Amino acid sequence: MKKITLLFSAFMCLSFFTFAQVQDGDIKLLQQYYGTEKMAVVKDYMALTPAQDSVFWNDYNAYETERLELGKRRIMLIDKYARDIMSLNDDNATDMIKEANAIDVTFKKLQMTYFKKMSKKIGVVKAAQFYQFESYINNAINMSIQENIPFVGELQKYRKQK
């Protein structure tokens, strides 16, 4: 799992420090590679029975399709923050906070929706295992992002010290 979060973190750092606008193609490439690696980790981690395996992957793929859209929104928000960090004002700061909150709320709703669906098909314990796995990955990515982007006002404060 650390391999996945490191890969994502590396992309986040690269996009932040280059201050270049992230393109859809960049996001799709990252998500494609990340998705392939993640699927292998999920398969190993879940250790599903053949009966569970046959019904799990349809829900997983549907979940991933929706989660990838949230991931794209998160990447675009980080990119916007990187571009606007030196010129934050009340309006764009509020917009970014609202978008960050909307992404978080939508992610939790998505997790709950698929927990319920998967509970019926692979059992509550296995569905909880997947829920916990997704929470871990999401939290690790969020922590990595927080560790690699400056806090609001940090760069302005640094510039004044020079």
N, C-alpha and C. Protein backbone atom coordinates (compact mmCIF):
# COMPACT_ATOMS: atom_id res chain seq x y z
N MET A 1 0.82 -1.19 0.00
CA MET A 1 0.00 0.00 0.00
C MET A 1 0.86 1.26 0.00
N LYS A 2 1.99 1.17 0.64
CA LYS A 2 2.87 2.34 0.68
C LYS A 2 3.36 2.70 -0.72
N LYS A 3 3.53 1.69 -1.55
CA LYS A 3 3.97 1.93 -2.93
C LYS A 3 2.96 2.81 -3.66
N ILE A 4 1.68 2.55 -3.46
CA ILE A 4 0.63 3.33 -4.11
C ILE A 4 0.64 4.77 -3.62
N THR A 5 0.72 4.95 -2.31
CA THR A 5 0.68 6.31 -1.79
C THR A 5 1.95 7.08 -2.17
N LEU A 6 3.08 6.39 -2.23
CA LEU A 6 4.31 7.06 -2.66
C LEU A 6 4.22 7.52 -4.10
N LEU A 7 3.67 6.67 -4.97
CA LEU A 7 3.51 7.04 -6.37
C LEU A 7 2.62 8.27 -6.50
N PHE A 8 1.49 8.25 -5.83
CA PHE A 8 0.57 9.37 -5.90
C PHE A 8 1.22 10.62 -5.33
N SER A 9 1.91 10.46 -4.21
CA SER A 9 2.57 11.60 -3.58
C SER A 9 3.63 12.22 -4.48
N ALA A 10 4.37 11.37 -5.15
CA ALA A 10 5.40 11.88 -6.07
C ALA A 10 4.77 12.73 -7.15
N PHE A 11 3.65 12.29 -7.69
CA PHE A 11 2.98 13.07 -8.71
C PHE A 11 2.48 14.39 -8.15
N MET A 12 1.94 14.35 -6.93
CA MET A 12 1.42 15.57 -6.31
C MET A 12 2.55 16.58 -6.11
N CYS A 13 3.67 16.10 -5.61
CA CYS A 13 4.81 17.00 -5.39
C CYS A 13 5.30 17.57 -6.70
N LEU A 14 5.43 16.74 -7.69
CA LEU A 14 5.90 17.18 -8.99
C LEU A 14 4.97 18.25 -9.55
N SER A 15 3.67 18.00 -9.47
CA SER A 15 2.74 18.98 -10.04
C SER A 15 2.75 20.28 -9.25
N PHE A 16 2.95 20.18 -7.93
CA PHE A 16 2.98 21.41 -7.14
C PHE A 16 4.24 22.21 -7.41
N PHE A 17 5.37 21.56 -7.38
CA PHE A 17 6.62 22.29 -7.50
C PHE A 17 6.90 22.79 -8.91
N THR A 18 6.31 22.19 -9.90
CA THR A 18 6.51 22.71 -11.24
C THR A 18 5.56 23.87 -11.53
N PHE A 19 4.53 24.00 -10.75
CA PHE A 19 3.53 25.05 -10.92
C PHE A 19 2.96 25.07 -12.34
N ALA A 20 3.01 23.95 -12.99
CA ALA A 20 2.43 23.86 -14.33
C ALA A 20 1.01 23.36 -14.20
N GLN A 21 0.17 23.83 -15.06
CA GLN A 21 -1.22 23.42 -15.00
C GLN A 21 -1.33 21.93 -15.35
N VAL A 22 -2.03 21.20 -14.52
CA VAL A 22 -2.23 19.78 -14.72
C VAL A 22 -3.21 19.59 -15.88
N GLN A 23 -2.87 18.67 -16.76
CA GLN A 23 -3.70 18.38 -17.93
C GLN A 23 -4.47 17.09 -17.69
N ASP A 24 -5.62 16.94 -18.36
CA ASP A 24 -6.41 15.72 -18.24
C ASP A 24 -5.60 14.48 -18.58
N GLY A 25 -4.76 14.57 -19.59
CA GLY A 25 -3.94 13.42 -19.98
C GLY A 25 -3.00 12.98 -18.87
N ASP A 26 -2.44 13.96 -18.14
CA ASP A 26 -1.57 13.64 -17.01
C ASP A 26 -2.34 12.89 -15.93
N ILE A 27 -3.53 13.36 -15.65
CA ILE A 27 -4.36 12.75 -14.63
C ILE A 27 -4.74 11.33 -15.03
N LYS A 28 -5.16 11.16 -16.27
CA LYS A 28 -5.55 9.83 -16.74
C LYS A 28 -4.39 8.85 -16.69
N LEU A 29 -3.21 9.30 -17.06
CA LEU A 29 -2.03 8.45 -17.03
C LEU A 29 -1.72 8.01 -15.61
N LEU A 30 -1.72 8.96 -14.69
CA LEU A 30 -1.48 8.64 -13.29
C LEU A 30 -2.54 7.67 -12.77
N GLN A 31 -3.79 7.97 -13.04
CA GLN A 31 -4.87 7.14 -12.53
C GLN A 31 -4.84 5.74 -13.14
N GLN A 32 -4.44 5.63 -14.38
CA GLN A 32 -4.36 4.32 -15.02
C GLN A 32 -3.28 3.47 -14.33
N TYR A 33 -2.11 4.05 -14.14
CA TYR A 33 -1.03 3.30 -13.49
C TYR A 33 -1.39 2.99 -12.04
N TYR A 34 -1.85 4.00 -11.33
CA TYR A 34 -2.25 3.84 -9.93
C TYR A 34 -3.35 2.79 -9.81
N GLY A 35 -4.30 2.80 -10.72
CA GLY A 35 -5.41 1.85 -10.69
C GLY A 35 -4.96 0.42 -10.87
N THR A 36 -4.02 0.19 -11.76
CA THR A 36 -3.50 -1.15 -12.00
C THR A 36 -2.77 -1.66 -10.75
N GLU A 37 -1.94 -0.81 -10.18
CA GLU A 37 -1.21 -1.19 -8.97
C GLU A 37 -2.18 -1.42 -7.81
N LYS A 38 -3.15 -0.53 -7.68
CA LYS A 38 -4.10 -0.64 -6.58
C LYS A 38 -4.92 -1.91 -6.70
N MET A 39 -5.35 -2.26 -7.89
CA MET A 39 -6.16 -3.46 -8.08
C MET A 39 -5.40 -4.69 -7.61
N ALA A 40 -4.12 -4.76 -7.90
CA ALA A 40 -3.31 -5.90 -7.46
C ALA A 40 -3.23 -5.95 -5.93
N VAL A 41 -3.07 -4.79 -5.30
CA VAL A 41 -3.01 -4.75 -3.84
C VAL A 41 -4.36 -5.14 -3.24
N VAL A 42 -5.44 -4.64 -3.81
CA VAL A 42 -6.78 -4.99 -3.32
C VAL A 42 -7.02 -6.49 -3.43
N LYS A 43 -6.67 -7.07 -4.55
CA LYS A 43 -6.86 -8.51 -4.76
C LYS A 43 -6.14 -9.31 -3.69
N ASP A 44 -4.90 -8.93 -3.43
CA ASP A 44 -4.11 -9.63 -2.42
C ASP A 44 -4.68 -9.39 -1.01
N TYR A 45 -5.00 -8.15 -0.72
CA TYR A 45 -5.47 -7.77 0.62
C TYR A 45 -6.82 -8.38 0.96
N MET A 46 -7.72 -8.40 0.02
CA MET A 46 -9.08 -8.86 0.30
C MET A 46 -9.16 -10.38 0.48
N ALA A 47 -8.31 -11.12 -0.19
CA ALA A 47 -8.31 -12.59 -0.08
C ALA A 47 -9.73 -13.16 -0.15
N LEU A 48 -10.40 -12.86 -1.24
CA LEU A 48 -11.79 -13.27 -1.42
C LEU A 48 -11.90 -14.75 -1.79
N THR A 49 -13.00 -15.35 -1.38
CA THR A 49 -13.30 -16.71 -1.82
C THR A 49 -13.69 -16.63 -3.30
N PRO A 50 -13.68 -17.75 -4.02
CA PRO A 50 -14.10 -17.70 -5.42
C PRO A 50 -15.51 -17.12 -5.60
N ALA A 51 -16.43 -17.46 -4.70
CA ALA A 51 -17.80 -16.93 -4.80
C ALA A 51 -17.82 -15.42 -4.58
N GLN A 52 -17.07 -14.94 -3.61
CA GLN A 52 -17.00 -13.50 -3.35
C GLN A 52 -16.30 -12.78 -4.50
N ASP A 53 -15.24 -13.38 -4.99
CA ASP A 53 -14.45 -12.79 -6.07
C ASP A 53 -15.31 -12.55 -7.31
N SER A 54 -16.20 -13.48 -7.60
CA SER A 54 -17.01 -13.36 -8.82
C SER A 54 -18.00 -12.20 -8.77
N VAL A 55 -18.38 -11.76 -7.58
CA VAL A 55 -19.32 -10.64 -7.49
C VAL A 55 -18.67 -9.32 -7.04
N PHE A 56 -17.49 -9.41 -6.45
CA PHE A 56 -16.83 -8.22 -5.92
C PHE A 56 -16.37 -7.26 -7.00
N TRP A 57 -15.77 -7.76 -8.06
CA TRP A 57 -15.08 -6.90 -9.02
C TRP A 57 -16.01 -5.99 -9.82
N ASN A 58 -17.24 -6.40 -10.04
CA ASN A 58 -18.18 -5.49 -10.71
C ASN A 58 -18.44 -4.25 -9.85
N ASP A 59 -18.68 -4.48 -8.57
CA ASP A 59 -18.88 -3.34 -7.66
C ASP A 59 -17.61 -2.53 -7.51
N TYR A 60 -16.49 -3.20 -7.42
CA TYR A 60 -15.20 -2.51 -7.30
C TYR A 60 -14.97 -1.59 -8.50
N ASN A 61 -15.20 -2.09 -9.69
CA ASN A 61 -14.99 -1.29 -10.90
C ASN A 61 -15.94 -0.09 -10.95
N ALA A 62 -17.18 -0.29 -10.55
CA ALA A 62 -18.13 0.83 -10.51
C ALA A 62 -17.69 1.86 -9.46
N TYR A 63 -17.25 1.37 -8.31
CA TYR A 63 -16.74 2.24 -7.25
C TYR A 63 -15.54 3.05 -7.76
N GLU A 64 -14.60 2.36 -8.39
CA GLU A 64 -13.39 3.02 -8.88
C GLU A 64 -13.71 4.09 -9.92
N THR A 65 -14.67 3.84 -10.78
CA THR A 65 -15.06 4.84 -11.77
C THR A 65 -15.50 6.13 -11.08
N GLU A 66 -16.31 6.00 -10.05
CA GLU A 66 -16.77 7.19 -9.32
C GLU A 66 -15.64 7.82 -8.50
N ARG A 67 -14.81 6.98 -7.89
CA ARG A 67 -13.72 7.49 -7.07
C ARG A 67 -12.67 8.21 -7.92
N LEU A 68 -12.47 7.73 -9.13
CA LEU A 68 -11.50 8.39 -10.02
C LEU A 68 -11.93 9.82 -10.35
N GLU A 69 -13.22 10.04 -10.48
CA GLU A 69 -13.70 11.40 -10.72
C GLU A 69 -13.41 12.30 -9.52
N LEU A 70 -13.56 11.74 -8.31
CA LEU A 70 -13.21 12.51 -7.11
C LEU A 70 -11.71 12.77 -7.06
N GLY A 71 -10.93 11.78 -7.45
CA GLY A 71 -9.48 11.95 -7.50
C GLY A 71 -9.08 13.05 -8.47
N LYS A 72 -9.75 13.08 -9.60
CA LYS A 72 -9.47 14.13 -10.59
C LYS A 72 -9.80 15.50 -10.00
N ARG A 73 -10.93 15.59 -9.31
CA ARG A 73 -11.29 16.86 -8.68
C ARG A 73 -10.24 17.27 -7.65
N ARG A 74 -9.73 16.31 -6.89
CA ARG A 74 -8.73 16.61 -5.86
C ARG A 74 -7.44 17.11 -6.53
N ILE A 75 -7.01 16.46 -7.58
CA ILE A 75 -5.80 16.88 -8.28
C ILE A 75 -5.99 18.28 -8.86
N MET A 76 -7.14 18.55 -9.44
CA MET A 76 -7.40 19.87 -10.00
C MET A 76 -7.42 20.94 -8.90
N LEU A 77 -7.94 20.60 -7.74
CA LEU A 77 -7.96 21.54 -6.62
C LEU A 77 -6.54 21.83 -6.14
N ILE A 78 -5.71 20.81 -6.04
CA ILE A 78 -4.32 21.02 -5.63
C ILE A 78 -3.59 21.88 -6.66
N ASP A 79 -3.86 21.61 -7.92
CA ASP A 79 -3.25 22.41 -8.98
C ASP A 79 -3.69 23.87 -8.87
N LYS A 80 -4.95 24.09 -8.63
CA LYS A 80 -5.46 25.46 -8.47
C LYS A 80 -4.80 26.14 -7.27
N TYR A 81 -4.69 25.42 -6.18
CA TYR A 81 -4.03 25.96 -4.99
C TYR A 81 -2.59 26.34 -5.31
N ALA A 82 -1.89 25.47 -6.03
CA ALA A 82 -0.49 25.75 -6.39
C ALA A 82 -0.38 27.00 -7.25
N ARG A 83 -1.33 27.18 -8.17
CA ARG A 83 -1.28 28.34 -9.05
C ARG A 83 -1.68 29.62 -8.32
N ASP A 84 -2.60 29.50 -7.34
CA ASP A 84 -3.16 30.69 -6.69
C ASP A 84 -2.59 30.98 -5.30
N ILE A 85 -1.65 30.19 -4.86
CA ILE A 85 -1.19 30.30 -3.47
C ILE A 85 -0.67 31.70 -3.10
N MET A 86 -0.03 32.36 -4.04
CA MET A 86 0.53 33.68 -3.73
C MET A 86 -0.49 34.80 -3.88
N SER A 87 -1.65 34.48 -4.39
CA SER A 87 -2.66 35.53 -4.59
C SER A 87 -4.01 35.13 -3.99
N LEU A 88 -3.98 34.38 -2.89
CA LEU A 88 -5.23 33.98 -2.26
C LEU A 88 -5.99 35.21 -1.76
N ASN A 89 -7.28 35.17 -1.97
CA ASN A 89 -8.15 36.21 -1.45
C ASN A 89 -9.37 35.54 -0.85
N ASP A 90 -10.28 36.33 -0.32
CA ASP A 90 -11.45 35.76 0.34
C ASP A 90 -12.25 34.85 -0.58
N ASP A 91 -12.42 35.28 -1.82
CA ASP A 91 -13.25 34.52 -2.75
C ASP A 91 -12.63 33.18 -3.16
N ASN A 92 -11.38 33.22 -3.64
CA ASN A 92 -10.82 31.95 -4.11
C ASN A 92 -10.46 31.02 -2.95
N ALA A 93 -10.14 31.55 -1.79
CA ALA A 93 -9.89 30.69 -0.62
C ALA A 93 -11.18 30.00 -0.19
N THR A 94 -12.28 30.74 -0.17
CA THR A 94 -13.58 30.16 0.18
C THR A 94 -13.98 29.10 -0.84
N ASP A 95 -13.80 29.38 -2.11
CA ASP A 95 -14.14 28.41 -3.15
C ASP A 95 -13.34 27.12 -2.98
N MET A 96 -12.05 27.24 -2.69
CA MET A 96 -11.22 26.05 -2.53
C MET A 96 -11.62 25.24 -1.30
N ILE A 97 -11.94 25.91 -0.21
CA ILE A 97 -12.37 25.20 1.00
C ILE A 97 -13.69 24.48 0.74
N LYS A 98 -14.60 25.14 0.06
CA LYS A 98 -15.89 24.50 -0.27
C LYS A 98 -15.68 23.28 -1.15
N GLU A 99 -14.79 23.38 -2.13
CA GLU A 99 -14.52 22.24 -3.02
C GLU A 99 -13.85 21.11 -2.24
N ALA A 100 -12.90 21.42 -1.38
CA ALA A 100 -12.23 20.38 -0.58
C ALA A 100 -13.25 19.66 0.30
N ASN A 101 -14.14 20.41 0.91
CA ASN A 101 -15.17 19.82 1.76
C ASN A 101 -16.12 18.96 0.93
N ALA A 102 -16.52 19.45 -0.22
CA ALA A 102 -17.43 18.69 -1.09
C ALA A 102 -16.80 17.36 -1.52
N ILE A 103 -15.52 17.39 -1.82
CA ILE A 103 -14.82 16.16 -2.20
C ILE A 103 -14.82 15.17 -1.03
N ASP A 104 -14.51 15.65 0.17
CA ASP A 104 -14.50 14.78 1.34
C ASP A 104 -15.87 14.17 1.62
N VAL A 105 -16.90 14.99 1.59
CA VAL A 105 -18.26 14.51 1.86
C VAL A 105 -18.69 13.51 0.79
N THR A 106 -18.42 13.81 -0.46
CA THR A 106 -18.80 12.91 -1.54
C THR A 106 -18.05 11.58 -1.43
N PHE A 107 -16.78 11.62 -1.05
CA PHE A 107 -16.01 10.39 -0.87
C PHE A 107 -16.62 9.52 0.22
N LYS A 108 -16.97 10.10 1.35
CA LYS A 108 -17.55 9.33 2.45
C LYS A 108 -18.91 8.73 2.04
N LYS A 109 -19.70 9.49 1.30
CA LYS A 109 -20.98 8.96 0.82
C LYS A 109 -20.75 7.81 -0.15
N LEU A 110 -19.77 7.96 -1.01
CA LEU A 110 -19.43 6.90 -1.96
C LEU A 110 -19.01 5.63 -1.22
N GLN A 111 -18.16 5.78 -0.24
CA GLN A 111 -17.73 4.63 0.55
C GLN A 111 -18.93 3.93 1.20
N MET A 112 -19.83 4.70 1.76
CA MET A 112 -20.98 4.11 2.45
C MET A 112 -21.90 3.40 1.46
N THR A 113 -22.09 4.01 0.31
CA THR A 113 -22.94 3.39 -0.72
C THR A 113 -22.39 2.02 -1.10
N TYR A 114 -21.08 1.95 -1.34
CA TYR A 114 -20.49 0.68 -1.76
C TYR A 114 -20.31 -0.28 -0.60
N PHE A 115 -20.17 0.21 0.62
CA PHE A 115 -20.17 -0.68 1.78
C PHE A 115 -21.50 -1.43 1.84
N LYS A 116 -22.59 -0.70 1.67
CA LYS A 116 -23.92 -1.33 1.71
C LYS A 116 -24.09 -2.35 0.58
N LYS A 117 -23.69 -1.96 -0.63
CA LYS A 117 -23.81 -2.87 -1.78
C LYS A 117 -22.97 -4.12 -1.57
N MET A 118 -21.73 -3.92 -1.18
CA MET A 118 -20.82 -5.05 -1.01
C MET A 118 -21.21 -5.94 0.16
N SER A 119 -21.79 -5.34 1.20
CA SER A 119 -22.22 -6.12 2.36
C SER A 119 -23.21 -7.21 1.96
N LYS A 120 -24.08 -6.87 1.04
CA LYS A 120 -25.09 -7.83 0.57
C LYS A 120 -24.48 -8.93 -0.28
N LYS A 121 -23.38 -8.63 -0.94
CA LYS A 121 -22.81 -9.59 -1.90
C LYS A 121 -21.64 -10.39 -1.35
N ILE A 122 -20.78 -9.75 -0.56
CA ILE A 122 -19.59 -10.46 -0.07
C ILE A 122 -19.56 -10.56 1.45
N GLY A 123 -20.59 -10.05 2.11
CA GLY A 123 -20.66 -10.09 3.57
C GLY A 123 -20.17 -8.80 4.20
N VAL A 124 -20.69 -8.55 5.38
CA VAL A 124 -20.39 -7.29 6.08
C VAL A 124 -18.91 -7.18 6.44
N VAL A 125 -18.32 -8.26 6.92
CA VAL A 125 -16.92 -8.20 7.36
C VAL A 125 -16.00 -7.90 6.18
N LYS A 126 -16.20 -8.56 5.06
CA LYS A 126 -15.36 -8.29 3.88
C LYS A 126 -15.62 -6.88 3.35
N ALA A 127 -16.87 -6.44 3.38
CA ALA A 127 -17.18 -5.07 2.94
C ALA A 127 -16.52 -4.06 3.87
N ALA A 128 -16.50 -4.35 5.17
CA ALA A 128 -15.83 -3.47 6.14
C ALA A 128 -14.32 -3.46 5.89
N GLN A 129 -13.78 -4.60 5.49
CA GLN A 129 -12.35 -4.69 5.17
C GLN A 129 -12.04 -3.77 3.99
N PHE A 130 -12.88 -3.80 2.98
CA PHE A 130 -12.66 -2.93 1.82
C PHE A 130 -12.83 -1.46 2.22
N TYR A 131 -13.84 -1.14 3.01
CA TYR A 131 -14.07 0.22 3.50
C TYR A 131 -12.82 0.72 4.24
N GLN A 132 -12.28 -0.12 5.12
CA GLN A 132 -11.10 0.26 5.89
C GLN A 132 -9.90 0.46 4.97
N PHE A 133 -9.74 -0.40 4.00
CA PHE A 133 -8.64 -0.27 3.04
C PHE A 133 -8.73 1.06 2.31
N GLU A 134 -9.90 1.40 1.82
CA GLU A 134 -10.09 2.66 1.09
C GLU A 134 -9.86 3.86 2.00
N SER A 135 -10.28 3.77 3.24
CA SER A 135 -10.05 4.85 4.20
C SER A 135 -8.55 5.04 4.43
N TYR A 136 -7.84 3.92 4.57
CA TYR A 136 -6.40 3.98 4.78
C TYR A 136 -5.71 4.67 3.60
N ILE A 137 -6.03 4.24 2.40
CA ILE A 137 -5.41 4.82 1.20
C ILE A 137 -5.73 6.31 1.11
N ASN A 138 -6.99 6.66 1.31
CA ASN A 138 -7.40 8.07 1.24
C ASN A 138 -6.68 8.90 2.30
N ASN A 139 -6.61 8.40 3.51
CA ASN A 139 -5.93 9.13 4.59
C ASN A 139 -4.43 9.28 4.31
N ALA A 140 -3.82 8.22 3.80
CA ALA A 140 -2.38 8.28 3.49
C ALA A 140 -2.11 9.30 2.39
N ILE A 141 -2.97 9.33 1.39
CA ILE A 141 -2.81 10.31 0.31
C ILE A 141 -3.01 11.72 0.84
N ASN A 142 -4.05 11.91 1.65
CA ASN A 142 -4.29 13.24 2.23
C ASN A 142 -3.12 13.69 3.09
N MET A 143 -2.56 12.78 3.88
CA MET A 143 -1.43 13.13 4.73
C MET A 143 -0.22 13.50 3.87
N SER A 144 0.01 12.75 2.84
CA SER A 144 1.14 13.04 1.95
C SER A 144 0.98 14.39 1.28
N ILE A 145 -0.23 14.69 0.85
CA ILE A 145 -0.49 16.00 0.24
C ILE A 145 -0.20 17.11 1.25
N GLN A 146 -0.72 16.95 2.47
CA GLN A 146 -0.52 17.97 3.50
C GLN A 146 0.96 18.16 3.83
N GLU A 147 1.72 17.08 3.77
CA GLU A 147 3.15 17.18 4.06
C GLU A 147 3.94 17.85 2.94
N ASN A 148 3.35 17.91 1.76
CA ASN A 148 4.10 18.38 0.60
C ASN A 148 3.61 19.70 0.01
N ILE A 149 2.63 20.30 0.60
CA ILE A 149 2.20 21.62 0.13
C ILE A 149 2.30 22.60 1.30
N PRO A 150 2.63 23.83 1.00
CA PRO A 150 2.73 24.81 2.09
C PRO A 150 1.36 25.19 2.64
N PHE A 151 1.35 25.52 3.92
CA PHE A 151 0.13 26.02 4.53
C PHE A 151 -0.20 27.39 3.96
N VAL A 152 -1.45 27.76 4.06
CA VAL A 152 -1.88 29.08 3.61
C VAL A 152 -1.06 30.13 4.35
N GLY A 153 -0.48 31.04 3.61
CA GLY A 153 0.31 32.13 4.19
C GLY A 153 1.76 31.80 4.45
N GLU A 154 2.14 30.53 4.36
CA GLU A 154 3.51 30.12 4.66
C GLU A 154 4.52 30.72 3.68
N LEU A 155 4.22 30.69 2.39
CA LEU A 155 5.15 31.25 1.41
C LEU A 155 5.26 32.77 1.52
N GLN A 156 4.13 33.42 1.79
CA GLN A 156 4.17 34.87 1.95
C GLN A 156 5.03 35.25 3.16
N LYS A 157 4.90 34.52 4.23
CA LYS A 157 5.69 34.76 5.44
C LYS A 157 7.17 34.55 5.15
N TYR A 158 7.49 33.50 4.40
CA TYR A 158 8.88 33.20 4.04
C TYR A 158 9.48 34.32 3.19
N ARG A 159 8.70 34.81 2.24
CA ARG A 159 9.17 35.89 1.36
C ARG A 159 9.47 37.16 2.14
N LYS A 160 8.66 37.47 3.16
CA LYS A 160 8.86 38.67 3.96
C LYS A 160 10.13 38.57 4.80
N GLN A 161 10.50 37.36 5.18
CA GLN A 161 11.70 37.16 5.99
C GLN A 161 12.97 37.38 5.19
N LYS A 162 12.91 37.24 3.90
CA LYS A 162 14.12 37.39 3.04
C LYS A 162 14.44 38.80 2.82
